[in-house]
Amino acid sequence: MNLGILHITATKKPPCRTKVSVRSTTRLAAFGFDYETPVWATPQPDGFTLTVQDERHEKDGGKLIHVGREGRKLALTLNFAKNFAVAGLSAGDFLAARYEYGVITARKLPPAQKYYVVVSQNYGAFLRLCGVWLDDAGFFPDTIATVAVQRDGGGMTLRLWDETATTYGDIVKFARAHQYQLLQAQRNQQITFIDLESHLLNCAGLDAGDIAGIHYEHGRITLFKPDLQKLGL
């Protein structure tokens, strides 16, 4: 399943509107959404469907938009207004988007602070958590985290190791005694990141192409896999 993440935002200048944009020349073009292509947007429960459309054939309950450009990238932007309203969607929501040729189906994801799509690297699943939010959660470069994986596919939890006066050897002993994995936050070009490899992701029920949700607070990060079947994807 070819999946992506969309984010509903709000314009800062009046008239304030909520909108969602797809910006990806490679993905849009690959699925038939070329520049100036007419697209029919149809509201659905907790989401919408975007369909490549003959401009002369319009349907009830939706509106016609066109693929444009933002800089060098193709962009498809859907504004929410009186002529296109979806109950249950608001600024800040994340959507899972399923891409098929000529059709993009989007549905609201459960509340979370971040969402990622697991990628494939070296023939296995790979996910890089990155951004200033890691610093906000206390996961600064070179800090160590213990990783507890829910073996039934229920996700994983990263906890910041903040014990004082402890050698690395003691941390390793603690991790082995509790069957935890150890990870270290790193920095690359001023961006903090944590890499999750396939052995951890697979145990947590995540594979390449899956969507991973993130809840975080200071000293703790929780990953979970949303049930896309319940969302109709």
Protein backbone atom coordinates (compact mmCIF):
# COMPACT_ATOMS: atom_id res chain seq x y z
CA MET A 1 0.00 0.00 0.00
CA ASN A 2 1.43 3.37 -1.03
CA LEU A 3 0.83 5.64 1.96
CA GLY A 4 1.67 9.21 2.88
CA ILE A 5 0.95 11.72 5.64
CA LEU A 6 -1.03 14.94 5.16
CA HIS A 7 -1.36 17.76 7.70
CA ILE A 8 -4.22 20.24 7.95
CA THR A 9 -2.99 23.80 8.52
CA ALA A 10 -4.59 27.22 8.92
CA THR A 11 -3.66 30.41 7.09
CA LYS A 12 -2.30 33.16 9.33
CA LYS A 13 -3.71 36.10 7.40
CA PRO A 14 -7.44 36.82 7.07
CA PRO A 15 -9.62 35.45 5.75
CA CYS A 16 -8.34 32.58 7.87
CA ARG A 17 -8.92 29.21 6.23
CA THR A 18 -7.93 25.65 6.87
CA LYS A 19 -6.29 23.73 4.07
CA VAL A 20 -4.33 20.62 3.24
CA SER A 21 -1.65 20.38 0.58
CA VAL A 22 0.11 17.59 -1.27
CA ARG A 23 3.55 18.74 -2.41
CA SER A 24 5.52 16.08 -4.24
CA THR A 25 6.37 16.18 -7.92
CA THR A 26 7.49 12.55 -7.97
CA ARG A 27 4.47 11.13 -6.17
CA LEU A 28 1.79 13.28 -7.80
CA ALA A 29 3.12 12.75 -11.32
CA ALA A 30 3.56 9.01 -10.77
CA PHE A 31 -0.13 8.68 -9.88
CA GLY A 32 -1.48 10.76 -12.74
CA PHE A 33 -1.76 14.15 -11.01
CA ASP A 34 0.16 16.25 -13.54
CA TYR A 35 0.36 20.04 -13.76
CA GLU A 36 -3.05 21.69 -14.40
CA THR A 37 -4.84 18.31 -14.18
CA PRO A 38 -8.45 18.83 -13.00
CA VAL A 39 -9.19 16.97 -9.78
CA TRP A 40 -12.58 16.39 -8.19
CA ALA A 41 -12.54 16.63 -4.38
CA THR A 42 -15.29 14.69 -2.61
CA PRO A 43 -15.88 14.99 1.16
CA GLN A 44 -16.03 11.72 3.10
CA PRO A 45 -16.56 10.95 6.81
CA ASP A 46 -13.38 12.17 8.54
CA GLY A 47 -11.63 12.74 5.25
CA PHE A 48 -11.96 13.17 1.51
CA THR A 49 -11.15 11.64 -1.87
CA LEU A 50 -9.28 13.36 -4.71
CA THR A 51 -9.95 11.94 -8.17
CA VAL A 52 -8.45 12.90 -11.52
CA GLN A 53 -11.50 14.21 -13.33
CA ASP A 54 -12.80 15.25 -16.71
CA GLU A 55 -13.50 18.96 -16.11
CA ARG A 56 -16.78 18.73 -18.00
CA HIS A 57 -18.18 16.05 -15.72
CA GLU A 58 -18.83 17.40 -12.25
CA LYS A 59 -20.43 15.54 -9.37
CA ASP A 60 -22.63 16.69 -6.52
CA GLY A 61 -21.19 17.19 -3.05
CA GLY A 62 -17.68 18.25 -4.00
CA LYS A 63 -15.64 20.80 -5.88
CA LEU A 64 -13.17 21.01 -8.71
CA ILE A 65 -9.53 21.96 -8.06
CA HIS A 66 -6.40 21.81 -10.21
CA VAL A 67 -2.83 20.64 -9.72
CA GLY A 68 -0.54 23.68 -9.54
CA ARG A 69 3.06 24.44 -8.67
CA GLU A 70 4.85 25.77 -5.61
CA GLY A 71 8.34 26.59 -6.77
CA ARG A 72 9.60 23.58 -8.70
CA LYS A 73 7.23 21.11 -7.05
CA LEU A 74 3.78 20.05 -8.12
CA ALA A 75 1.21 20.99 -5.50
CA LEU A 76 -2.40 20.04 -4.94
CA THR A 77 -4.12 22.22 -2.34
CA LEU A 78 -7.61 21.70 -0.96
CA ASN A 79 -9.17 24.60 0.95
CA PHE A 80 -11.92 23.90 3.47
CA ALA A 81 -14.74 26.42 3.21
CA LYS A 82 -18.53 26.62 2.93
CA ASN A 83 -18.37 24.96 -0.47
CA PHE A 84 -16.26 22.12 0.93
CA ALA A 85 -16.70 21.20 4.57
CA VAL A 86 -15.80 17.92 6.27
CA ALA A 87 -17.18 17.26 9.73
CA GLY A 88 -14.53 16.19 12.21
CA LEU A 89 -11.53 17.81 10.52
CA SER A 90 -9.73 20.87 11.85
CA ALA A 91 -6.34 22.58 11.78
CA GLY A 92 -3.62 20.44 13.30
CA ASP A 93 -5.13 17.08 12.29
CA PHE A 94 -3.03 14.47 10.52
CA LEU A 95 -4.41 12.37 7.69
CA ALA A 96 -3.30 9.07 6.21
CA ALA A 97 -3.30 9.29 2.42
CA ARG A 98 -3.50 6.20 0.22
CA TYR A 99 -2.25 6.77 -3.34
CA GLU A 100 -3.62 4.86 -6.31
CA TYR A 101 -3.43 5.86 -9.94
CA GLY A 102 -5.82 8.77 -10.38
CA VAL A 103 -7.11 8.60 -6.79
CA ILE A 104 -5.91 9.87 -3.40
CA THR A 105 -7.96 8.72 -0.41
CA ALA A 106 -7.37 10.59 2.86
CA ARG A 107 -8.69 9.74 6.32
CA LYS A 108 -8.15 11.35 9.73
CA LEU A 109 -5.57 9.64 11.94
CA PRO A 110 -5.86 9.27 15.73
CA PRO A 111 -4.48 12.22 17.73
CA ALA A 112 -0.67 12.27 17.91
CA GLN A 113 2.06 14.88 17.97
CA LYS A 114 3.97 13.48 15.00
CA TYR A 115 3.50 10.95 12.22
CA TYR A 116 6.08 9.22 10.03
CA VAL A 117 6.06 6.71 7.18
CA VAL A 118 8.49 3.83 7.72
CA VAL A 119 10.85 3.54 4.75
CA SER A 120 12.97 0.73 3.34
CA GLN A 121 16.74 0.81 3.73
CA ASN A 122 19.24 -1.99 3.12
CA TYR A 123 16.38 -4.42 2.46
CA GLY A 124 14.74 -3.72 5.81
CA ALA A 125 12.45 -1.27 7.58
CA PHE A 126 14.01 2.00 8.75
CA LEU A 127 12.71 5.07 10.56
CA ARG A 128 14.61 8.21 11.52
CA LEU A 129 13.04 10.29 14.26
CA CYS A 130 14.35 13.82 13.81
CA GLY A 131 13.67 17.45 14.59
CA VAL A 132 13.69 19.99 17.38
CA TRP A 133 10.92 18.06 19.12
CA LEU A 134 13.55 15.54 20.27
CA ASP A 135 15.39 18.34 22.09
CA ASP A 136 12.07 19.48 23.57
CA ALA A 137 11.59 15.95 24.93
CA GLY A 138 15.07 15.96 26.47
CA PHE A 139 16.67 13.62 23.92
CA PHE A 140 19.74 15.75 23.26
CA PRO A 141 22.71 14.49 21.20
CA ASP A 142 24.69 11.71 22.93
CA THR A 143 21.95 11.02 25.47
CA ILE A 144 21.03 7.35 25.87
CA ALA A 145 17.54 5.86 25.76
CA THR A 146 16.25 2.45 26.76
CA VAL A 147 13.82 0.89 24.31
CA ALA A 148 10.98 -1.38 25.44
CA VAL A 149 9.23 -3.17 22.57
CA GLN A 150 5.73 -4.58 22.85
CA ARG A 151 6.24 -8.02 21.32
CA ASP A 152 2.60 -8.33 20.30
CA GLY A 153 3.04 -5.53 17.79
CA GLY A 154 1.81 -2.89 20.21
CA GLY A 155 4.58 -0.40 19.46
CA MET A 156 7.59 0.66 21.49
CA THR A 157 8.59 3.13 24.21
CA LEU A 158 11.86 5.05 24.43
CA ARG A 159 12.82 6.34 27.87
CA LEU A 160 15.63 8.77 28.48
CA TRP A 161 18.32 7.42 30.77
CA ASP A 162 18.71 10.14 33.35
CA GLU A 163 20.24 8.25 36.28
CA THR A 164 23.31 10.03 37.66
CA ALA A 165 26.72 8.57 38.56
CA THR A 166 26.18 5.50 36.36
CA THR A 167 28.76 3.99 34.03
CA TYR A 168 27.84 2.77 30.56
CA GLY A 169 28.54 -0.76 31.75
CA ASP A 170 25.86 -0.38 34.43
CA ILE A 171 23.40 0.85 31.80
CA VAL A 172 24.12 -2.21 29.65
CA LYS A 173 23.56 -4.52 32.62
CA PHE A 174 20.26 -2.79 33.40
CA ALA A 175 19.12 -3.10 29.78
CA ARG A 176 19.99 -6.81 29.62
CA ALA A 177 18.26 -7.53 32.92
CA HIS A 178 15.04 -5.93 31.65
CA GLN A 179 15.38 -7.06 28.01
CA TYR A 180 15.68 -3.49 26.77
CA GLN A 181 17.56 -2.22 23.75
CA LEU A 182 19.78 0.86 23.95
CA LEU A 183 19.82 3.78 21.50
CA GLN A 184 21.75 7.04 21.40
CA ALA A 185 20.52 10.37 20.10
CA GLN A 186 22.80 11.94 17.48
CA ARG A 187 23.15 15.24 15.68
CA ASN A 188 23.69 15.96 11.99
CA GLN A 189 23.83 19.52 10.67
CA GLN A 190 22.18 20.92 13.81
CA ILE A 191 19.31 18.41 13.66
CA THR A 192 18.93 15.83 16.42
CA PHE A 193 17.92 12.35 15.29
CA ILE A 194 17.42 8.77 16.50
CA ASP A 195 17.58 5.90 14.01
CA LEU A 196 15.32 2.87 14.44
CA GLU A 197 16.39 -0.25 12.55
CA SER A 198 14.31 -3.14 11.24
CA HIS A 199 14.92 -5.50 14.19
CA LEU A 200 13.19 -3.04 16.52
CA LEU A 201 10.50 -1.90 14.10
CA ASN A 202 9.48 -5.43 13.10
CA CYS A 203 9.15 -6.49 16.74
CA ALA A 204 6.90 -3.47 17.28
CA GLY A 205 4.69 -4.51 14.34
CA LEU A 206 6.04 -1.91 11.92
CA ASP A 207 7.34 -2.64 8.43
CA ALA A 208 8.42 -0.56 5.44
CA GLY A 209 5.47 1.44 4.12
CA ASP A 210 3.61 1.49 7.44
CA ILE A 211 2.55 4.64 9.27
CA ALA A 212 3.95 5.25 12.77
CA GLY A 213 2.40 7.68 15.24
CA ILE A 214 4.38 9.47 17.96
CA HIS A 215 3.40 10.60 21.44
CA TYR A 216 6.11 12.35 23.42
CA GLU A 217 6.72 14.12 26.69
CA HIS A 218 9.91 14.96 28.54
CA GLY A 219 11.99 11.83 28.82
CA ARG A 220 9.60 9.54 26.97
CA ILE A 221 8.66 8.75 23.35
CA THR A 222 5.97 6.23 22.42
CA LEU A 223 5.50 4.81 18.91
CA PHE A 224 2.29 3.13 17.80
CA LYS A 225 0.80 1.76 14.60
CA PRO A 226 -2.69 3.13 13.81
CA ASP A 227 -5.34 0.68 12.60
CA LEU A 228 -5.86 1.78 9.02
CA GLN A 229 -8.59 -0.80 8.44
CA LYS A 230 -10.78 1.01 10.95
CA LEU A 231 -10.14 4.19 8.96
CA GLY A 232 -11.31 2.54 5.75
CA LEU A 233 -7.86 2.44 4.13
